[in-house]
Amino acid sequence: MKNLVDLKEHVAITGSNGFVGSKLNQRLPNARILDLDKKHRLEEIDTLKTFLEDVKVVFHLAGISPTTIFSLI
């Protein structure tokens, strides 16, 4: 599998367990990757800042699955 870039930075990938996110993860073998998916609770800005403190690049690939049912509160 050919790598997209020779990125050696600390990167974050939202939606890292999805189809596109998992493929991107495989294509960045030299990067230090922080996988952010739905198990991480990042609604609080201070928590988000802590997670992203040393991150140089963010790939935002998260989305709402059409099979997920949401309700309004």
C-alpha atoms as a PDB file:
ATOM      1  CA  MET A   1       0.000   0.000   0.000  1.00  0.00           C
ATOM      2  CA  LYS A   2       1.488   3.346  -1.028  1.00  0.00           C
ATOM      3  CA  ASN A   3       1.755   6.063   1.607  1.00  0.00           C
ATOM      4  CA  LEU A   4       0.094   9.384   0.847  1.00  0.00           C
ATOM      5  CA  VAL A   5       2.732  11.494   2.554  1.00  0.00           C
ATOM      6  CA  ASP A   6       5.804  10.973   4.692  1.00  0.00           C
ATOM      7  CA  LEU A   7       4.254  12.803   7.620  1.00  0.00           C
ATOM      8  CA  LYS A   8       6.263  12.452  10.824  1.00  0.00           C
ATOM      9  CA  GLU A   9       4.227  14.889  12.900  1.00  0.00           C
ATOM     10  CA  HIS A  10       1.839  14.193  15.759  1.00  0.00           C
ATOM     11  CA  VAL A  11      -1.587  14.040  14.110  1.00  0.00           C
ATOM     12  CA  ALA A  12      -5.160  13.535  15.300  1.00  0.00           C
ATOM     13  CA  ILE A  13      -7.799  11.707  13.289  1.00  0.00           C
ATOM     14  CA  THR A  14     -11.449  12.114  14.228  1.00  0.00           C
ATOM     15  CA  GLY A  15     -13.579   9.230  13.025  1.00  0.00           C
ATOM     16  CA  SER A  16     -10.506   7.002  13.071  1.00  0.00           C
ATOM     17  CA  ASN A  17     -12.582   3.813  13.285  1.00  0.00           C
ATOM     18  CA  GLY A  18     -14.673   4.671  10.244  1.00  0.00           C
ATOM     19  CA  PHE A  19     -13.937   3.540   6.706  1.00  0.00           C
ATOM     20  CA  VAL A  20     -11.990   6.624   5.580  1.00  0.00           C
ATOM     21  CA  GLY A  21     -10.323   7.246   8.951  1.00  0.00           C
ATOM     22  CA  SER A  22      -9.015   3.695   9.213  1.00  0.00           C
ATOM     23  CA  LYS A  23      -7.594   3.868   5.672  1.00  0.00           C
ATOM     24  CA  LEU A  24      -5.882   7.190   6.419  1.00  0.00           C
ATOM     25  CA  ASN A  25      -4.446   5.703   9.607  1.00  0.00           C
ATOM     26  CA  GLN A  26      -2.843   2.917   7.554  1.00  0.00           C
ATOM     27  CA  ARG A  27      -1.374   5.412   5.076  1.00  0.00           C
ATOM     28  CA  LEU A  28       0.497   7.437   7.707  1.00  0.00           C
ATOM     29  CA  PRO A  29       2.989   4.877   9.069  1.00  0.00           C
ATOM     30  CA  ASN A  30       5.562   7.435  10.252  1.00  0.00           C
ATOM     31  CA  ALA A  31       3.141   9.740  12.048  1.00  0.00           C
ATOM     32  CA  ARG A  32       2.362   9.662  15.753  1.00  0.00           C
ATOM     33  CA  ILE A  33      -1.402   9.223  15.540  1.00  0.00           C
ATOM     34  CA  LEU A  34      -3.978  10.161  18.150  1.00  0.00           C
ATOM     35  CA  ASP A  35      -7.154   8.262  17.250  1.00  0.00           C
ATOM     36  CA  LEU A  36     -10.266  10.164  18.272  1.00  0.00           C
ATOM     37  CA  ASP A  37     -13.531   8.299  17.921  1.00  0.00           C
ATOM     38  CA  LYS A  38     -16.910   8.164  19.615  1.00  0.00           C
ATOM     39  CA  LYS A  39     -15.526   6.577  22.785  1.00  0.00           C
ATOM     40  CA  HIS A  40     -13.731   9.856  23.577  1.00  0.00           C
ATOM     41  CA  ARG A  41     -15.857  12.487  25.306  1.00  0.00           C
ATOM     42  CA  LEU A  42     -14.487  15.772  23.974  1.00  0.00           C
ATOM     43  CA  GLU A  43     -17.382  18.140  24.569  1.00  0.00           C
ATOM     44  CA  GLU A  44     -15.461  20.106  27.209  1.00  0.00           C
ATOM     45  CA  ILE A  45     -12.988  22.573  25.694  1.00  0.00           C
ATOM     46  CA  ASP A  46     -10.357  21.930  28.406  1.00  0.00           C
ATOM     47  CA  THR A  47     -10.404  18.193  27.689  1.00  0.00           C
ATOM     48  CA  LEU A  48     -10.098  18.868  23.973  1.00  0.00           C
ATOM     49  CA  LYS A  49      -7.155  21.233  24.538  1.00  0.00           C
ATOM     50  CA  THR A  50      -5.378  18.569  26.598  1.00  0.00           C
ATOM     51  CA  PHE A  51      -5.857  15.932  23.898  1.00  0.00           C
ATOM     52  CA  LEU A  52      -4.618  18.233  21.133  1.00  0.00           C
ATOM     53  CA  GLU A  53      -1.758  19.911  23.003  1.00  0.00           C
ATOM     54  CA  ASP A  54       1.102  18.509  20.877  1.00  0.00           C
ATOM     55  CA  VAL A  55      -0.898  17.772  17.725  1.00  0.00           C
ATOM     56  CA  LYS A  56       0.284  19.535  14.553  1.00  0.00           C
ATOM     57  CA  VAL A  57      -2.354  18.290  12.086  1.00  0.00           C
ATOM     58  CA  VAL A  58      -6.023  17.327  12.561  1.00  0.00           C
ATOM     59  CA  PHE A  59      -7.881  15.225  10.005  1.00  0.00           C
ATOM     60  CA  HIS A  60     -11.569  15.711  10.815  1.00  0.00           C
ATOM     61  CA  LEU A  61     -13.374  12.716   9.327  1.00  0.00           C
ATOM     62  CA  ALA A  62     -16.069  12.113  11.932  1.00  0.00           C
ATOM     63  CA  GLY A  63     -19.677  12.140  10.912  1.00  0.00           C
ATOM     64  CA  ILE A  64     -23.079  10.980  12.031  1.00  0.00           C
ATOM     65  CA  SER A  65     -23.909   7.500  10.870  1.00  0.00           C
ATOM     66  CA  PRO A  66     -27.264   7.267   9.077  1.00  0.00           C
ATOM     67  CA  THR A  67     -27.994   4.144  11.113  1.00  0.00           C
ATOM     68  CA  THR A  68     -27.648   5.975  14.425  1.00  0.00           C
ATOM     69  CA  ILE A  69     -30.898   7.119  16.009  1.00  0.00           C
ATOM     70  CA  PHE A  70     -30.757  10.399  17.907  1.00  0.00           C
ATOM     71  CA  SER A  71     -33.406  12.013  20.045  1.00  0.00           C
ATOM     72  CA  LEU A  72     -33.792  15.634  20.998  1.00  0.00           C
ATOM     73  CA  ILE A  73     -33.843  16.441  24.676  1.00  0.00           C
END
